[in-house]
Amino acid sequence: QVQLVESGGGLVQAGGSLRLSCAASGRTFSSSAMGWFRQAPGKEREFVAAISWSGRDSYYSDSVKGRFTISRDNAKNTLYLQMNSLKPEDTAVYYCAANRQVGPLGSRKIQVVGEYDYWGRGTQVTVSS
C-alpha cells in the first residue's frame, strides 16, 4: 500500500521558516516526479513546487519563488520543502504528491494537480502576522 506522510507543519510568525518532509512508503518514487501543493480554506488546491525524478529540475509557483526550496533524497524516499520568509498568505494545508509515471513528466504537467496519482493527507501551516 502506497503512503505519503507529511510532517513539519505548524504555527510560525511572519518572516519565519519551516521545513516540511514527506516520507513515502509502499513503493519507491526515485524515478518519478513529486510535488507540493497547498489548499487554503475556501480555495482550490494549488501548485507550490515540484521536482523531477532526478532532482535536477525544480519548478515553483510565482508566489513562492525565491522563498521556498524543494528537494528530495531518493535514498530515503523522502521529499522536502524548505519554506523561508513565510507570509500570512502562505497559510494552508500542504500536501505532498507523487506521479506514478517513471521518468520525465514535463515542465507543464508537473505543475498540474491532476497529473499526480498519490497524495498525502496534508500538514497544516499557519503563519501569523
N, C-alpha and C. Protein backbone atom coordinates (compact mmCIF):
# COMPACT_ATOMS: atom_id res chain seq x y z
N GLN A 1 0.85 -1.19 0.00
CA GLN A 1 0.00 0.00 0.00
C GLN A 1 0.89 1.25 0.00
N VAL A 2 0.64 2.11 -0.95
CA VAL A 2 1.44 3.33 -1.06
C VAL A 2 0.96 4.37 -0.05
N GLN A 3 1.90 4.95 0.67
CA GLN A 3 1.57 6.01 1.62
C GLN A 3 2.55 7.16 1.48
N LEU A 4 2.00 8.35 1.55
CA LEU A 4 2.81 9.57 1.64
C LEU A 4 2.41 10.26 2.93
N VAL A 5 3.38 10.51 3.79
CA VAL A 5 3.08 11.10 5.09
C VAL A 5 3.88 12.38 5.27
N GLU A 6 3.14 13.48 5.37
CA GLU A 6 3.79 14.78 5.56
C GLU A 6 4.01 15.07 7.04
N SER A 7 5.03 15.86 7.31
CA SER A 7 5.30 16.31 8.67
C SER A 7 6.04 17.64 8.60
N GLY A 8 6.10 18.33 9.73
CA GLY A 8 6.87 19.56 9.80
C GLY A 8 6.04 20.84 9.80
N GLY A 9 4.72 20.70 9.63
CA GLY A 9 3.88 21.88 9.67
C GLY A 9 3.76 22.44 11.07
N GLY A 10 3.13 23.60 11.17
CA GLY A 10 2.95 24.21 12.48
C GLY A 10 2.60 25.68 12.38
N LEU A 11 2.69 26.35 13.53
CA LEU A 11 2.40 27.77 13.62
C LEU A 11 3.71 28.54 13.68
N VAL A 12 3.84 29.54 12.84
CA VAL A 12 5.07 30.34 12.79
C VAL A 12 4.70 31.79 12.53
N GLN A 13 5.54 32.70 13.01
CA GLN A 13 5.31 34.12 12.75
C GLN A 13 5.78 34.49 11.35
N ALA A 14 5.19 35.53 10.83
CA ALA A 14 5.60 36.02 9.52
C ALA A 14 7.10 36.30 9.53
N GLY A 15 7.75 35.89 8.45
CA GLY A 15 9.19 36.02 8.35
C GLY A 15 9.95 34.79 8.81
N GLY A 16 9.26 33.87 9.44
CA GLY A 16 9.89 32.66 9.95
C GLY A 16 10.05 31.59 8.90
N SER A 17 10.52 30.43 9.34
CA SER A 17 10.80 29.32 8.43
C SER A 17 10.22 28.02 8.96
N LEU A 18 9.92 27.14 8.05
CA LEU A 18 9.52 25.77 8.36
C LEU A 18 10.10 24.85 7.30
N ARG A 19 10.32 23.60 7.69
CA ARG A 19 10.75 22.60 6.72
C ARG A 19 9.77 21.43 6.75
N LEU A 20 9.12 21.21 5.63
CA LEU A 20 8.19 20.10 5.52
C LEU A 20 8.92 18.89 4.97
N SER A 21 8.50 17.72 5.45
CA SER A 21 9.03 16.45 4.94
C SER A 21 7.87 15.59 4.49
N CYS A 22 8.14 14.73 3.54
CA CYS A 22 7.14 13.78 3.05
C CYS A 22 7.83 12.43 2.89
N ALA A 23 7.46 11.52 3.74
CA ALA A 23 8.05 10.18 3.70
C ALA A 23 7.14 9.25 2.91
N ALA A 24 7.71 8.62 1.90
CA ALA A 24 6.94 7.70 1.06
C ALA A 24 7.23 6.26 1.43
N SER A 25 6.21 5.44 1.35
CA SER A 25 6.39 4.01 1.61
C SER A 25 5.47 3.23 0.70
N GLY A 26 5.74 1.97 0.56
CA GLY A 26 4.91 1.12 -0.29
C GLY A 26 5.46 0.94 -1.69
N ARG A 27 6.20 1.90 -2.16
CA ARG A 27 6.93 1.80 -3.43
C ARG A 27 7.96 2.92 -3.45
N THR A 28 8.93 2.77 -4.31
CA THR A 28 9.92 3.81 -4.43
C THR A 28 9.50 4.83 -5.48
N PHE A 29 9.77 6.11 -5.20
CA PHE A 29 9.45 7.17 -6.14
C PHE A 29 10.72 7.81 -6.70
N SER A 30 11.82 7.09 -6.58
CA SER A 30 13.09 7.66 -7.02
C SER A 30 13.14 7.92 -8.52
N SER A 31 12.22 7.34 -9.28
CA SER A 31 12.18 7.56 -10.72
C SER A 31 10.95 8.34 -11.16
N SER A 32 10.29 9.01 -10.21
CA SER A 32 9.04 9.71 -10.52
C SER A 32 9.07 11.15 -10.02
N ALA A 33 8.34 11.99 -10.72
CA ALA A 33 8.20 13.38 -10.28
C ALA A 33 7.38 13.45 -9.00
N MET A 34 7.72 14.43 -8.17
CA MET A 34 6.98 14.65 -6.93
C MET A 34 6.77 16.14 -6.75
N GLY A 35 5.76 16.48 -5.96
CA GLY A 35 5.46 17.90 -5.80
C GLY A 35 4.79 18.22 -4.48
N TRP A 36 4.69 19.50 -4.23
CA TRP A 36 3.96 20.05 -3.09
C TRP A 36 2.84 20.94 -3.61
N PHE A 37 1.68 20.77 -3.01
CA PHE A 37 0.52 21.60 -3.32
C PHE A 37 -0.03 22.12 -2.00
N ARG A 38 -0.89 23.13 -2.06
CA ARG A 38 -1.50 23.64 -0.84
C ARG A 38 -2.94 24.05 -1.11
N GLN A 39 -3.69 24.05 -0.03
CA GLN A 39 -5.10 24.43 -0.14
C GLN A 39 -5.49 25.25 1.08
N ALA A 40 -5.90 26.48 0.83
CA ALA A 40 -6.38 27.36 1.89
C ALA A 40 -7.89 27.22 1.99
N PRO A 41 -8.48 27.57 3.13
CA PRO A 41 -9.93 27.44 3.29
C PRO A 41 -10.68 28.21 2.21
N GLY A 42 -11.64 27.54 1.59
CA GLY A 42 -12.45 28.17 0.58
C GLY A 42 -11.80 28.32 -0.78
N LYS A 43 -10.60 27.78 -0.92
CA LYS A 43 -9.88 27.90 -2.19
C LYS A 43 -9.57 26.53 -2.76
N GLU A 44 -9.25 26.52 -4.04
CA GLU A 44 -8.86 25.27 -4.69
C GLU A 44 -7.41 24.92 -4.34
N ARG A 45 -7.12 23.65 -4.48
CA ARG A 45 -5.74 23.21 -4.26
C ARG A 45 -4.87 23.80 -5.37
N GLU A 46 -3.72 24.32 -4.98
CA GLU A 46 -2.85 24.98 -5.95
C GLU A 46 -1.42 24.45 -5.89
N PHE A 47 -0.77 24.56 -6.99
CA PHE A 47 0.63 24.14 -7.13
C PHE A 47 1.54 25.05 -6.32
N VAL A 48 2.53 24.44 -5.64
CA VAL A 48 3.53 25.19 -4.90
C VAL A 48 4.91 24.95 -5.51
N ALA A 49 5.31 23.69 -5.58
CA ALA A 49 6.64 23.36 -6.09
C ALA A 49 6.67 21.91 -6.54
N ALA A 50 7.55 21.61 -7.48
CA ALA A 50 7.70 20.24 -7.95
C ALA A 50 9.14 19.99 -8.33
N ILE A 51 9.50 18.71 -8.37
CA ILE A 51 10.87 18.34 -8.67
C ILE A 51 10.87 17.11 -9.56
N SER A 52 11.77 17.10 -10.51
CA SER A 52 11.86 15.97 -11.43
C SER A 52 12.39 14.74 -10.70
N TRP A 53 12.25 13.60 -11.37
CA TRP A 53 12.66 12.35 -10.74
C TRP A 53 14.13 12.35 -10.36
N SER A 54 14.96 13.02 -11.13
CA SER A 54 16.40 13.04 -10.87
C SER A 54 16.78 14.10 -9.84
N GLY A 55 15.87 15.04 -9.60
CA GLY A 55 16.19 16.16 -8.71
C GLY A 55 16.90 17.29 -9.42
N ARG A 56 17.12 17.09 -10.70
CA ARG A 56 17.89 18.10 -11.44
C ARG A 56 17.06 19.33 -11.77
N ASP A 57 15.76 19.13 -11.96
CA ASP A 57 14.88 20.24 -12.34
C ASP A 57 13.83 20.49 -11.26
N SER A 58 13.63 21.74 -10.92
CA SER A 58 12.61 22.11 -9.95
C SER A 58 11.79 23.27 -10.49
N TYR A 59 10.57 23.35 -10.02
CA TYR A 59 9.62 24.32 -10.51
C TYR A 59 8.88 24.93 -9.32
N TYR A 60 8.55 26.20 -9.44
CA TYR A 60 7.90 26.89 -8.34
C TYR A 60 6.79 27.80 -8.86
N SER A 61 5.78 27.97 -8.04
CA SER A 61 4.77 28.98 -8.36
C SER A 61 5.40 30.35 -8.16
N ASP A 62 4.86 31.32 -8.82
CA ASP A 62 5.40 32.68 -8.71
C ASP A 62 5.32 33.20 -7.27
N SER A 63 4.31 32.76 -6.54
CA SER A 63 4.09 33.28 -5.20
C SER A 63 5.13 32.79 -4.19
N VAL A 64 5.84 31.71 -4.49
CA VAL A 64 6.82 31.18 -3.54
C VAL A 64 8.25 31.21 -4.08
N LYS A 65 8.40 31.54 -5.33
CA LYS A 65 9.73 31.54 -5.95
C LYS A 65 10.67 32.46 -5.19
N GLY A 66 11.85 31.95 -4.89
CA GLY A 66 12.83 32.73 -4.14
C GLY A 66 12.73 32.58 -2.64
N ARG A 67 11.63 32.01 -2.17
CA ARG A 67 11.44 31.81 -0.72
C ARG A 67 11.41 30.33 -0.34
N PHE A 68 10.88 29.49 -1.21
CA PHE A 68 10.76 28.06 -0.94
C PHE A 68 11.77 27.28 -1.79
N THR A 69 12.22 26.15 -1.23
CA THR A 69 13.12 25.27 -1.97
C THR A 69 12.67 23.83 -1.81
N ILE A 70 12.46 23.17 -2.92
CA ILE A 70 12.07 21.76 -2.91
C ILE A 70 13.32 20.91 -3.13
N SER A 71 13.36 19.77 -2.46
CA SER A 71 14.48 18.86 -2.65
C SER A 71 14.00 17.44 -2.36
N ARG A 72 14.82 16.49 -2.72
CA ARG A 72 14.45 15.09 -2.48
C ARG A 72 15.68 14.28 -2.15
N ASP A 73 15.47 13.25 -1.36
CA ASP A 73 16.52 12.29 -1.04
C ASP A 73 15.99 10.94 -1.47
N ASN A 74 16.39 10.52 -2.65
CA ASN A 74 15.85 9.27 -3.21
C ASN A 74 16.28 8.05 -2.40
N ALA A 75 17.41 8.12 -1.76
CA ALA A 75 17.85 7.00 -0.93
C ALA A 75 16.91 6.80 0.26
N LYS A 76 16.32 7.90 0.72
CA LYS A 76 15.39 7.83 1.85
C LYS A 76 13.93 7.85 1.40
N ASN A 77 13.72 7.96 0.08
CA ASN A 77 12.35 8.02 -0.45
C ASN A 77 11.57 9.16 0.21
N THR A 78 12.22 10.30 0.34
CA THR A 78 11.66 11.43 1.08
C THR A 78 11.76 12.72 0.27
N LEU A 79 10.72 13.50 0.37
CA LEU A 79 10.63 14.80 -0.30
C LEU A 79 10.62 15.89 0.77
N TYR A 80 11.23 17.03 0.45
CA TYR A 80 11.29 18.13 1.41
C TYR A 80 10.82 19.44 0.77
N LEU A 81 10.38 20.35 1.64
CA LEU A 81 10.08 21.71 1.22
C LEU A 81 10.57 22.66 2.30
N GLN A 82 11.63 23.38 2.00
CA GLN A 82 12.14 24.41 2.91
C GLN A 82 11.42 25.70 2.61
N MET A 83 10.77 26.24 3.61
CA MET A 83 9.98 27.46 3.44
C MET A 83 10.56 28.57 4.29
N ASN A 84 11.05 29.61 3.64
CA ASN A 84 11.62 30.76 4.34
C ASN A 84 10.79 32.01 4.08
N SER A 85 11.02 33.02 4.90
CA SER A 85 10.31 34.30 4.74
C SER A 85 8.81 34.08 4.59
N LEU A 86 8.25 33.30 5.46
CA LEU A 86 6.84 32.96 5.37
C LEU A 86 5.95 34.17 5.56
N LYS A 87 4.84 34.15 4.84
CA LYS A 87 3.86 35.23 4.87
C LYS A 87 2.51 34.68 5.33
N PRO A 88 1.65 35.51 5.88
CA PRO A 88 0.32 35.04 6.28
C PRO A 88 -0.44 34.38 5.13
N GLU A 89 -0.23 34.83 3.92
CA GLU A 89 -0.92 34.24 2.76
C GLU A 89 -0.40 32.85 2.40
N ASP A 90 0.66 32.39 3.06
CA ASP A 90 1.14 31.02 2.88
C ASP A 90 0.36 30.04 3.74
N THR A 91 -0.51 30.54 4.60
CA THR A 91 -1.30 29.68 5.47
C THR A 91 -2.19 28.76 4.64
N ALA A 92 -2.07 27.47 4.89
CA ALA A 92 -2.82 26.47 4.12
C ALA A 92 -2.47 25.08 4.64
N VAL A 93 -3.20 24.11 4.16
CA VAL A 93 -2.79 22.72 4.33
C VAL A 93 -1.89 22.36 3.15
N TYR A 94 -0.74 21.84 3.45
CA TYR A 94 0.24 21.50 2.42
C TYR A 94 0.24 19.99 2.18
N TYR A 95 0.14 19.62 0.90
CA TYR A 95 0.06 18.23 0.50
C TYR A 95 1.27 17.83 -0.33
N CYS A 96 1.74 16.64 -0.06
CA CYS A 96 2.78 16.01 -0.87
C CYS A 96 2.09 15.13 -1.91
N ALA A 97 2.66 15.09 -3.10
CA ALA A 97 2.06 14.28 -4.16
C ALA A 97 3.15 13.62 -4.99
N ALA A 98 2.82 12.48 -5.55
CA ALA A 98 3.77 11.74 -6.39
C ALA A 98 3.06 11.25 -7.64
N ASN A 99 3.82 11.26 -8.72
CA ASN A 99 3.30 10.78 -10.01
C ASN A 99 3.67 9.32 -10.20
N ARG A 100 2.78 8.58 -10.80
CA ARG A 100 3.01 7.15 -10.98
C ARG A 100 4.02 6.86 -12.10
N GLN A 101 4.11 7.77 -13.06
CA GLN A 101 4.94 7.56 -14.24
C GLN A 101 6.42 7.55 -13.89
N VAL A 102 7.13 6.64 -14.55
CA VAL A 102 8.58 6.56 -14.38
C VAL A 102 9.23 7.47 -15.42
N GLY A 103 10.15 8.35 -14.96
CA GLY A 103 10.85 9.20 -15.88
C GLY A 103 10.28 10.61 -15.92
N PRO A 104 10.67 11.40 -16.92
CA PRO A 104 10.27 12.81 -17.00
C PRO A 104 8.76 12.97 -17.15
N LEU A 105 8.24 14.03 -16.54
CA LEU A 105 6.80 14.31 -16.62
C LEU A 105 6.53 15.49 -17.54
N GLY A 106 7.47 16.40 -17.65
CA GLY A 106 7.25 17.58 -18.47
C GLY A 106 7.03 18.79 -17.59
N SER A 107 7.55 19.90 -18.04
CA SER A 107 7.55 21.11 -17.20
C SER A 107 6.16 21.68 -16.97
N ARG A 108 5.22 21.41 -17.86
CA ARG A 108 3.86 21.92 -17.66
C ARG A 108 3.03 20.95 -16.84
N LYS A 109 3.08 19.68 -17.18
CA LYS A 109 2.28 18.68 -16.48
C LYS A 109 2.69 18.57 -15.02
N ILE A 110 3.96 18.78 -14.72
CA ILE A 110 4.47 18.60 -13.37
C ILE A 110 3.84 19.61 -12.40
N GLN A 111 3.20 20.65 -12.92
CA GLN A 111 2.58 21.67 -12.08
C GLN A 111 1.06 21.49 -11.95
N VAL A 112 0.54 20.42 -12.51
CA VAL A 112 -0.90 20.22 -12.58
C VAL A 112 -1.36 19.20 -11.53
N VAL A 113 -2.36 19.58 -10.75
CA VAL A 113 -2.88 18.71 -9.70
C VAL A 113 -3.27 17.34 -10.25
N GLY A 114 -3.96 17.33 -11.38
CA GLY A 114 -4.50 16.11 -11.95
C GLY A 114 -3.47 15.13 -12.47
N GLU A 115 -2.22 15.54 -12.54
CA GLU A 115 -1.16 14.64 -13.05
C GLU A 115 -0.57 13.78 -11.95
N TYR A 116 -1.01 13.96 -10.73
CA TYR A 116 -0.45 13.21 -9.60
C TYR A 116 -1.41 12.11 -9.15
N ASP A 117 -0.82 10.96 -8.88
CA ASP A 117 -1.61 9.77 -8.58
C ASP A 117 -1.70 9.45 -7.09
N TYR A 118 -0.72 9.90 -6.34
CA TYR A 118 -0.67 9.59 -4.91
C TYR A 118 -0.59 10.89 -4.12
N TRP A 119 -1.35 10.92 -3.02
CA TRP A 119 -1.40 12.13 -2.20
C TRP A 119 -1.29 11.77 -0.73
N GLY A 120 -0.63 12.67 0.01
CA GLY A 120 -0.64 12.54 1.45
C GLY A 120 -1.89 13.18 2.02
N ARG A 121 -2.02 13.13 3.35
CA ARG A 121 -3.21 13.70 3.99
C ARG A 121 -3.04 15.17 4.31
N GLY A 122 -1.83 15.66 4.21
CA GLY A 122 -1.59 17.08 4.40
C GLY A 122 -1.09 17.43 5.78
N THR A 123 -0.43 18.58 5.86
CA THR A 123 0.04 19.12 7.13
C THR A 123 -0.28 20.61 7.15
N GLN A 124 -0.80 21.07 8.27
CA GLN A 124 -1.25 22.46 8.39
C GLN A 124 -0.06 23.40 8.62
N VAL A 125 -0.02 24.45 7.85
CA VAL A 125 0.95 25.53 8.05
C VAL A 125 0.16 26.80 8.31
N THR A 126 0.42 27.43 9.44
CA THR A 126 -0.26 28.67 9.80
C THR A 126 0.78 29.74 10.07
N VAL A 127 0.67 30.85 9.36
CA VAL A 127 1.62 31.95 9.51
C VAL A 127 0.87 33.14 10.10
N SER A 128 1.28 33.57 11.27
CA SER A 128 0.62 34.70 11.93
C SER A 128 1.32 36.01 11.57
N SER A 129 0.53 37.06 11.53
CA SER A 129 1.09 38.37 11.15
C SER A 129 1.63 39.11 12.36
